[in-house]
Amino acid sequence: MKIHDLITTTEALADLCERLAKSDFVTVDTEFMRENTYYPELCLVQIANDVEAAAIDPMADGIDLAPLLELMCDNEDVLKVFHAGGQDVEIIYNLTGKTPHPIFDTQIAMMAISQSEQIGYSNLVESWLGFTVDKGARFTDWGRRPLTDRQIEYAIGDVTHLSKIFPMMLKKLIKTGRGMWLNAEMEKLADPANYRNDADLAWKRIRQAGRNPQVLGRLKSIAAWREGEAQHKNIPRGRIMRDETLADVAGHPPKKQADLAKVRGLSNSWKDNDIGKRLMNVIENAEALPKDEMPEKATRGAPLGKEGALVADLLKLLLKIRCREIDIASRLLTKSDELEALAAGIRKLPILEGWRYDVFGKEALELVEGRMAFAVKDGKLTMTHFDTDGVAEASEDQAQPDDDVNDAGQQAAE
């Protein structure tokens, strides 16, 4: 594979992107810093196909990233391959208001062909290519110039390794017929709504007990104000006010600015400075949260009761068994909340639709409706299906060893 020198000019970038635009896929990674800023600062972009790779310096004087961003967001013929690409996609969205498309994430794809929930990049490389990645430059300062040869070599390795892994992974997905399972997951990753920074929705990320409209209205107003302050100063929102402090102020609003000095997590200077004055103005003008914006009542565990909780535990046991049998990550199939909803009698669920129903949902429904039973036979766990008259069918599902039964049962109960 040809490795280019660090690209620092628009002309060299345009030439590279023109060649890459003829590829079936490109692998992409970014290096960025976000510890001291509101928006992540893009420091390096790495990109490769199966024949060449390059690192692009977005901080180089005079460089225009337009050719790269056009390849990422406007070229529908080239698949963009990331690993755990959420933050990379966010950066591109911040630059363009659009997301890369079409998109493929190898971390998500691994869930369809293994039990790995969130496999890290180093483990991915080791499992597919058989060697250990040098992590020496992982926590380097990517914003400092000039970049060292070691930094560039480390960064480009991320996409060159991925360009070898992706075709192998795609071949396995095609062989197992599981590629279609991932379509919806990849579209979720590419959904611009995931990266749109709407200040009016910022409050939904903050934990706040209770459903008092007045409290939630203050929470919404203060959270939106904090976003504006952080954006204006270009600092992380937590530098303005931490989430727990914000929730505390919303729940127990100070009556006058001097009381801000008593709020845990705020500086004593807030009692008489301008930012404290602005906060008090927000608090005083906050309105109750409208009824149509009220969060849904939490139903987790509430409708189950003791018997329903036992059924949910059995569903979790069944899920563990099935995931082991077909080698798939449980997170791709379903979550605990959905299993509890099924045990509680809810039937309009993703698990009862499409491929999830075929792979797991059908048997989960049989278990809930009493048409499946667990049994231990010759030290192995078996599952017996019943017809509508309650007569056991002749066939029994594949058994599991004793230690698997104990392990699965323990996890289901947790």
Protein backbone atom coordinates (compact mmCIF):
# COMPACT_ATOMS: atom_id res chain seq x y z
CA MET A 1 0.00 0.00 0.00
CA LYS A 2 1.28 3.47 -0.88
CA ILE A 3 1.55 5.82 2.11
CA HIS A 4 1.62 9.51 1.20
CA ASP A 5 3.42 12.29 2.97
CA LEU A 6 1.30 14.45 5.28
CA ILE A 7 -1.12 16.39 3.08
CA THR A 8 -1.01 20.10 3.84
CA THR A 9 -2.32 21.77 0.65
CA THR A 10 -5.73 21.96 -1.00
CA GLU A 11 -4.25 20.87 -4.34
CA ALA A 12 -2.77 17.65 -2.93
CA LEU A 13 -6.01 16.96 -1.06
CA ALA A 14 -8.11 17.44 -4.19
CA ASP A 15 -5.89 15.03 -6.15
CA LEU A 16 -6.17 12.41 -3.39
CA CYS A 17 -9.95 12.72 -3.14
CA GLU A 18 -10.32 12.49 -6.92
CA ARG A 19 -8.59 9.10 -6.84
CA LEU A 20 -10.43 7.90 -3.76
CA ALA A 21 -13.76 8.82 -5.35
CA LYS A 22 -13.27 5.90 -7.73
CA SER A 23 -13.05 3.40 -4.85
CA ASP A 24 -15.81 1.15 -3.57
CA PHE A 25 -14.94 2.15 -0.02
CA VAL A 26 -12.65 4.34 2.06
CA THR A 27 -11.68 3.87 5.68
CA VAL A 28 -11.70 7.02 7.78
CA ASP A 29 -10.49 8.11 11.20
CA THR A 30 -9.86 11.45 12.90
CA GLU A 31 -7.72 12.78 15.70
CA PHE A 32 -9.13 15.66 17.68
CA MET A 33 -8.95 17.55 20.96
CA ARG A 34 -12.03 18.52 22.97
CA GLU A 35 -10.86 18.85 26.56
CA ASN A 36 -10.82 22.65 26.54
CA THR A 37 -13.37 23.61 23.88
CA TYR A 38 -17.10 23.33 23.33
CA TYR A 39 -16.74 21.85 19.85
CA PRO A 40 -14.07 19.22 19.20
CA GLU A 41 -11.05 20.67 17.40
CA LEU A 42 -10.16 18.60 14.34
CA CYS A 43 -6.40 18.01 14.31
CA LEU A 44 -5.88 15.24 11.76
CA VAL A 45 -7.87 13.17 9.25
CA GLN A 46 -6.69 9.77 8.08
CA ILE A 47 -8.16 8.09 5.01
CA ALA A 48 -7.36 5.02 2.93
CA ASN A 49 -8.66 2.56 0.38
CA ASP A 50 -7.12 -0.76 -0.56
CA VAL A 51 -4.15 0.76 -2.43
CA GLU A 52 -3.20 4.08 -0.79
CA ALA A 53 -3.45 5.94 2.49
CA ALA A 54 -2.80 9.45 3.69
CA ALA A 55 -3.05 11.77 6.68
CA ILE A 56 -4.50 15.23 6.11
CA ASP A 57 -3.58 18.21 8.26
CA PRO A 58 -6.72 20.38 8.67
CA MET A 59 -4.67 22.89 10.68
CA ALA A 60 -2.27 23.60 7.79
CA ASP A 61 -2.21 27.23 6.64
CA GLY A 62 -4.59 27.85 3.72
CA ILE A 63 -5.88 24.29 3.33
CA ASP A 64 -9.51 23.93 2.24
CA LEU A 65 -11.18 20.68 3.29
CA ALA A 66 -13.96 21.01 0.70
CA PRO A 67 -12.75 18.11 -1.50
CA LEU A 68 -12.66 15.77 1.50
CA LEU A 69 -16.04 16.89 2.86
CA GLU A 70 -17.61 16.49 -0.57
CA LEU A 71 -16.28 12.93 -0.75
CA MET A 72 -17.62 12.23 2.72
CA CYS A 73 -21.10 13.72 2.45
CA ASP A 74 -22.03 14.08 -1.22
CA ASN A 75 -20.53 11.02 -2.93
CA GLU A 76 -23.08 8.21 -2.54
CA ASP A 77 -20.98 5.75 -4.57
CA VAL A 78 -18.22 5.39 -1.99
CA LEU A 79 -18.88 3.59 1.29
CA LYS A 80 -17.30 5.34 4.29
CA VAL A 81 -15.97 2.85 6.83
CA PHE A 82 -15.31 3.86 10.46
CA HIS A 83 -14.65 2.05 13.71
CA ALA A 84 -16.72 3.41 16.61
CA GLY A 85 -17.27 6.39 14.37
CA GLY A 86 -19.80 8.43 16.35
CA GLN A 87 -17.36 11.20 17.29
CA ASP A 88 -15.81 11.23 13.82
CA VAL A 89 -19.25 11.68 12.29
CA GLU A 90 -20.03 14.44 14.79
CA ILE A 91 -16.97 16.39 13.67
CA ILE A 92 -17.95 16.14 10.02
CA TYR A 93 -21.50 17.19 10.87
CA ASN A 94 -20.20 20.23 12.76
CA LEU A 95 -18.24 21.25 9.65
CA THR A 96 -20.96 20.67 7.08
CA GLY A 97 -24.36 20.21 8.71
CA LYS A 98 -24.39 16.80 7.00
CA THR A 99 -23.16 13.32 7.88
CA PRO A 100 -21.07 10.86 5.84
CA HIS A 101 -23.25 8.56 3.74
CA PRO A 102 -23.38 5.69 3.00
CA ILE A 103 -21.65 4.60 6.17
CA PHE A 104 -20.38 1.40 7.78
CA ASP A 105 -19.11 0.97 11.33
CA THR A 106 -16.97 -2.08 12.08
CA GLN A 107 -17.71 -1.92 15.81
CA ILE A 108 -21.44 -2.23 15.11
CA ALA A 109 -20.83 -4.90 12.47
CA MET A 110 -18.89 -7.04 14.95
CA MET A 111 -22.06 -7.36 17.02
CA ALA A 112 -23.68 -9.27 14.16
CA ILE A 113 -20.91 -11.84 13.86
CA SER A 114 -19.63 -12.15 17.43
CA GLN A 115 -20.70 -11.60 21.00
CA SER A 116 -18.57 -8.45 21.24
CA GLU A 117 -20.72 -5.58 22.49
CA GLN A 118 -18.25 -2.71 21.97
CA ILE A 119 -14.98 -4.13 20.71
CA GLY A 120 -12.10 -1.68 20.84
CA TYR A 121 -9.94 -0.96 17.82
CA SER A 122 -6.85 -2.71 19.20
CA ASN A 123 -8.83 -5.87 19.94
CA LEU A 124 -10.39 -5.69 16.48
CA VAL A 125 -6.98 -5.59 14.83
CA GLU A 126 -5.65 -8.40 16.99
CA SER A 127 -8.65 -10.65 16.29
CA TRP A 128 -8.62 -10.13 12.50
CA LEU A 129 -4.97 -9.46 11.66
CA GLY A 130 -3.22 -11.24 14.52
CA PHE A 131 -0.92 -8.53 15.84
CA THR A 132 -0.96 -5.93 18.59
CA VAL A 133 -1.27 -2.24 17.76
CA ASP A 134 1.35 0.11 19.24
CA LYS A 135 -0.61 2.44 21.54
CA GLY A 136 2.34 4.67 22.35
CA ALA A 137 1.01 7.73 20.52
CA ARG A 138 -2.62 7.26 21.50
CA PHE A 139 -2.81 10.06 24.07
CA THR A 140 -0.52 12.49 22.29
CA ASP A 141 -1.28 16.20 21.83
CA TRP A 142 -2.64 16.18 18.30
CA GLY A 143 -2.99 19.95 18.25
CA ARG A 144 0.72 20.63 18.63
CA ARG A 145 2.75 21.26 15.49
CA PRO A 146 4.85 19.93 13.92
CA LEU A 147 3.54 16.37 14.17
CA THR A 148 6.21 13.72 14.62
CA ASP A 149 6.78 10.85 12.21
CA ARG A 150 5.68 8.47 14.95
CA GLN A 151 2.40 10.31 15.40
CA ILE A 152 1.64 10.22 11.68
CA GLU A 153 2.63 6.56 11.36
CA TYR A 154 0.41 5.65 14.31
CA ALA A 155 -2.53 7.64 12.94
CA ILE A 156 -2.34 6.26 9.40
CA GLY A 157 -2.13 2.73 10.81
CA ASP A 158 -5.69 3.09 12.04
CA VAL A 159 -7.05 3.30 8.49
CA THR A 160 -4.60 0.97 6.77
CA HIS A 161 -5.44 -1.84 9.18
CA LEU A 162 -9.13 -1.10 8.80
CA SER A 163 -8.87 -1.23 5.01
CA LYS A 164 -7.66 -4.85 5.33
CA ILE A 165 -10.22 -5.84 7.95
CA PHE A 166 -13.32 -4.43 6.24
CA PRO A 167 -13.27 -6.73 3.15
CA MET A 168 -12.75 -9.75 5.42
CA MET A 169 -15.61 -8.67 7.65
CA LEU A 170 -17.87 -7.99 4.67
CA LYS A 171 -17.14 -11.46 3.30
CA LYS A 172 -18.19 -13.04 6.59
CA LEU A 173 -21.35 -10.95 6.76
CA ILE A 174 -22.30 -12.06 3.27
CA LYS A 175 -21.53 -15.69 4.08
CA THR A 176 -23.67 -15.64 7.21
CA GLY A 177 -26.45 -13.64 5.57
CA ARG A 178 -26.38 -11.08 8.36
CA GLY A 179 -25.53 -7.97 6.39
CA MET A 180 -29.19 -6.92 6.21
CA TRP A 181 -29.37 -6.98 10.02
CA LEU A 182 -27.10 -3.95 10.07
CA ASN A 183 -28.87 -1.66 7.61
CA ALA A 184 -31.03 0.07 10.21
CA GLU A 185 -28.12 0.37 12.66
CA MET A 186 -25.92 2.10 10.09
CA GLU A 187 -28.71 4.49 9.13
CA LYS A 188 -29.09 5.41 12.80
CA LEU A 189 -25.39 6.25 12.94
CA ALA A 190 -25.75 8.49 9.88
CA ASP A 191 -28.90 10.25 11.12
CA PRO A 192 -28.08 13.99 11.41
CA ALA A 193 -30.57 14.28 14.28
CA ASN A 194 -28.06 12.45 16.50
CA TYR A 195 -25.54 15.28 16.10
CA ARG A 196 -27.79 18.33 15.93
CA ASN A 197 -27.03 20.52 18.91
CA ASP A 198 -30.47 21.84 19.87
CA ALA A 199 -30.15 23.90 23.05
CA ASP A 200 -33.86 23.44 23.77
CA LEU A 201 -33.30 19.69 24.05
CA ALA A 202 -30.16 19.85 26.19
CA TRP A 203 -32.17 19.31 29.39
CA LYS A 204 -33.10 15.78 28.31
CA ARG A 205 -29.50 14.66 28.85
CA ILE A 206 -29.62 15.65 32.53
CA ARG A 207 -30.96 13.34 35.21
CA GLN A 208 -33.71 14.93 37.24
CA ALA A 209 -35.92 13.01 39.62
CA GLY A 210 -39.64 13.67 39.51
CA ARG A 211 -42.02 15.11 36.93
CA ASN A 212 -42.78 18.52 38.40
CA PRO A 213 -43.51 20.86 35.45
CA GLN A 214 -42.04 23.87 37.25
CA VAL A 215 -38.79 22.08 38.02
CA LEU A 216 -38.50 20.64 34.53
CA GLY A 217 -39.25 24.02 33.01
CA ARG A 218 -36.37 25.55 34.98
CA LEU A 219 -34.17 22.62 34.02
CA LYS A 220 -34.92 23.23 30.33
CA SER A 221 -34.29 26.97 30.57
CA ILE A 222 -31.05 26.68 32.55
CA ALA A 223 -29.70 23.91 30.31
CA ALA A 224 -30.39 25.97 27.18
CA TRP A 225 -28.74 29.00 28.79
CA ARG A 226 -25.67 26.93 29.71
CA GLU A 227 -25.33 25.74 26.09
CA GLY A 228 -25.34 29.34 24.89
CA GLU A 229 -22.76 30.40 27.47
CA ALA A 230 -20.48 27.49 26.61
CA GLN A 231 -20.77 28.08 22.87
CA HIS A 232 -20.07 31.79 23.23
CA LYS A 233 -16.97 31.15 25.35
CA ASN A 234 -16.04 28.01 23.38
CA ILE A 235 -15.49 25.95 26.52
CA PRO A 236 -16.99 22.61 27.62
CA ARG A 237 -20.47 23.02 29.14
CA GLY A 238 -19.23 21.46 32.38
CA ARG A 239 -16.89 24.42 32.84
CA ILE A 240 -19.96 26.64 33.10
CA MET A 241 -21.88 24.38 35.42
CA ARG A 242 -21.82 20.64 36.03
CA ASP A 243 -24.96 18.59 35.38
CA GLU A 244 -25.57 17.76 39.03
CA THR A 245 -25.28 21.43 39.98
CA LEU A 246 -27.67 22.42 37.22
CA ALA A 247 -30.22 19.84 38.39
CA ASP A 248 -29.84 21.07 41.97
CA VAL A 249 -30.43 24.69 40.98
CA ALA A 250 -33.49 23.71 38.94
CA GLY A 251 -34.92 21.72 41.85
CA HIS A 252 -34.04 24.25 44.56
CA PRO A 253 -33.79 27.65 42.87
CA PRO A 254 -32.07 30.42 44.84
CA LYS A 255 -34.33 33.36 45.67
CA LYS A 256 -31.67 36.01 45.11
CA GLN A 257 -28.26 36.18 43.46
CA ALA A 258 -26.43 36.25 46.77
CA ASP A 259 -27.76 32.74 47.44
CA LEU A 260 -25.70 31.38 44.52
CA ALA A 261 -22.69 31.41 46.85
CA LYS A 262 -24.39 28.65 48.83
CA VAL A 263 -24.86 26.37 45.81
CA ARG A 264 -22.45 23.49 45.83
CA GLY A 265 -20.45 23.47 42.62
CA LEU A 266 -20.65 27.21 41.92
CA SER A 267 -17.89 29.69 42.64
CA ASN A 268 -18.45 32.19 45.42
CA SER A 269 -18.01 34.95 42.83
CA TRP A 270 -21.35 34.06 41.21
CA LYS A 271 -23.10 35.93 44.03
CA ASP A 272 -22.24 39.29 42.44
CA ASN A 273 -20.76 38.74 38.95
CA ASP A 274 -22.39 39.04 35.52
CA ILE A 275 -22.79 35.31 34.84
CA GLY A 276 -24.60 34.89 38.15
CA LYS A 277 -26.86 37.78 37.19
CA ARG A 278 -27.65 36.13 33.85
CA LEU A 279 -28.43 32.83 35.57
CA MET A 280 -30.83 34.49 38.01
CA ASN A 281 -32.60 36.18 35.11
CA VAL A 282 -33.08 32.77 33.47
CA ILE A 283 -34.41 31.24 36.68
CA GLU A 284 -36.84 34.11 37.28
CA ASN A 285 -38.24 33.94 33.75
CA ALA A 286 -38.44 30.16 33.41
CA GLU A 287 -41.90 28.81 32.64
CA ALA A 288 -43.38 25.47 33.56
CA LEU A 289 -42.71 22.71 31.04
CA PRO A 290 -45.71 22.37 28.68
CA LYS A 291 -47.76 19.20 28.99
CA ASP A 292 -46.84 18.05 25.47
CA GLU A 293 -43.13 18.18 26.39
CA MET A 294 -43.41 16.22 29.62
CA PRO A 295 -41.32 13.03 29.61
CA GLU A 296 -43.19 9.75 29.57
CA LYS A 297 -43.69 8.11 32.90
CA ALA A 298 -41.06 5.50 33.63
CA THR A 299 -42.55 2.04 33.36
CA ARG A 300 -39.41 0.02 33.95
CA GLY A 301 -40.25 -2.69 36.45
CA ALA A 302 -43.53 -1.10 37.48
CA PRO A 303 -46.02 -3.40 35.71
CA LEU A 304 -44.07 -6.60 36.19
CA GLY A 305 -44.72 -7.74 39.73
CA LYS A 306 -42.92 -10.76 41.19
CA GLU A 307 -44.12 -13.25 38.57
CA GLY A 308 -43.37 -10.89 35.69
CA ALA A 309 -39.87 -10.30 37.04
CA LEU A 310 -39.26 -14.05 37.01
CA VAL A 311 -40.46 -14.24 33.40
CA ALA A 312 -38.10 -11.39 32.51
CA ASP A 313 -35.23 -13.33 34.10
CA LEU A 314 -36.10 -16.36 31.99
CA LEU A 315 -36.13 -14.20 28.88
CA LYS A 316 -32.66 -12.92 29.75
CA LEU A 317 -31.50 -16.50 30.17
CA LEU A 318 -32.98 -17.42 26.79
CA LEU A 319 -31.29 -14.40 25.23
CA LYS A 320 -27.91 -15.42 26.59
CA ILE A 321 -28.33 -18.95 25.28
CA ARG A 322 -29.39 -17.82 21.82
CA CYS A 323 -26.57 -15.29 21.55
CA ARG A 324 -24.05 -18.00 22.36
CA GLU A 325 -25.57 -20.41 19.89
CA ILE A 326 -25.60 -18.05 16.92
CA ASP A 327 -22.62 -15.91 18.00
CA ILE A 328 -24.21 -12.48 18.15
CA ALA A 329 -24.02 -9.63 20.65
CA SER A 330 -27.15 -9.40 22.78
CA ARG A 331 -27.16 -5.61 22.46
CA LEU A 332 -27.85 -5.91 18.73
CA LEU A 333 -30.89 -8.07 19.42
CA THR A 334 -32.54 -6.34 22.33
CA LYS A 335 -32.12 -4.68 25.74
CA SER A 336 -33.33 -5.51 29.23
CA ASP A 337 -36.05 -2.86 29.09
CA GLU A 338 -37.57 -4.51 26.03
CA LEU A 339 -37.51 -7.95 27.63
CA GLU A 340 -39.24 -6.56 30.70
CA ALA A 341 -41.86 -4.91 28.49
CA LEU A 342 -42.47 -8.25 26.76
CA ALA A 343 -42.84 -9.97 30.14
CA ALA A 344 -45.31 -7.23 31.14
CA GLY A 345 -47.56 -8.01 28.18
CA ILE A 346 -46.50 -5.36 25.67
CA ARG A 347 -46.41 -6.74 22.14
CA LYS A 348 -45.56 -3.76 19.92
CA LEU A 349 -41.80 -4.14 20.20
CA PRO A 350 -38.86 -4.19 17.76
CA ILE A 351 -37.97 -7.67 18.98
CA LEU A 352 -41.24 -8.98 17.52
CA GLU A 353 -40.54 -7.59 14.06
CA GLY A 354 -38.30 -8.48 11.11
CA TRP A 355 -35.12 -10.47 11.53
CA ARG A 356 -35.13 -10.02 15.31
CA TYR A 357 -38.41 -11.92 15.49
CA ASP A 358 -37.01 -14.75 13.39
CA VAL A 359 -33.78 -14.98 15.36
CA PHE A 360 -35.09 -14.54 18.89
CA GLY A 361 -38.48 -12.87 19.22
CA LYS A 362 -40.54 -15.87 18.17
CA GLU A 363 -39.08 -18.09 20.87
CA ALA A 364 -39.22 -15.28 23.43
CA LEU A 365 -42.95 -14.96 22.75
CA GLU A 366 -43.38 -18.73 23.05
CA LEU A 367 -41.70 -18.61 26.44
CA VAL A 368 -43.89 -15.77 27.69
CA GLU A 369 -47.05 -17.47 26.43
CA GLY A 370 -46.20 -20.83 27.99
CA ARG A 371 -45.31 -22.64 24.78
CA MET A 372 -41.69 -23.27 25.78
CA ALA A 373 -40.12 -24.76 28.87
CA PHE A 374 -36.58 -25.16 30.21
CA ALA A 375 -35.42 -28.51 31.52
CA VAL A 376 -32.16 -30.11 32.60
CA LYS A 377 -31.49 -33.42 30.88
CA ASP A 378 -28.29 -35.41 31.44
CA GLY A 379 -26.69 -32.35 32.99
CA LYS A 380 -27.52 -30.14 30.03
CA LEU A 381 -30.10 -27.41 29.59
CA THR A 382 -32.73 -28.11 26.95
CA MET A 383 -35.73 -26.12 25.73
CA THR A 384 -38.92 -27.94 24.85
CA HIS A 385 -41.55 -26.38 22.59
CA PHE A 386 -45.27 -27.11 22.95
CA ASP A 387 -48.04 -27.01 20.40
CA THR A 388 -51.23 -25.05 21.00
CA ASP A 389 -52.73 -27.99 22.92
CA GLY A 390 -49.82 -28.08 25.34
CA VAL A 391 -48.29 -31.24 23.86
CA ALA A 392 -44.51 -31.28 23.76
CA GLU A 393 -43.03 -31.34 20.29
CA ALA A 394 -40.59 -34.08 19.46
CA SER A 395 -37.57 -31.89 18.80
CA GLU A 396 -35.54 -30.23 21.51
CA ASP A 397 -33.14 -27.34 21.11
CA GLN A 398 -29.39 -27.66 21.33
CA ALA A 399 -28.23 -28.20 24.90
CA GLN A 400 -25.68 -26.28 26.90
CA PRO A 401 -23.05 -27.64 29.32
CA ASP A 402 -23.55 -27.41 33.06
CA ASP A 403 -21.15 -24.51 33.54
CA ASP A 404 -22.92 -22.54 30.80
CA VAL A 405 -26.24 -23.09 32.55
CA ASN A 406 -24.93 -21.84 35.86
CA ASP A 407 -23.23 -18.84 34.25
CA ALA A 408 -26.27 -17.93 32.18
CA GLY A 409 -28.60 -18.29 35.10
CA GLN A 410 -26.45 -16.07 37.29
CA GLN A 411 -26.31 -13.31 34.66
CA ALA A 412 -30.05 -13.51 34.04
CA ALA A 413 -30.71 -12.94 37.70
CA GLU A 414 -28.45 -9.89 37.85
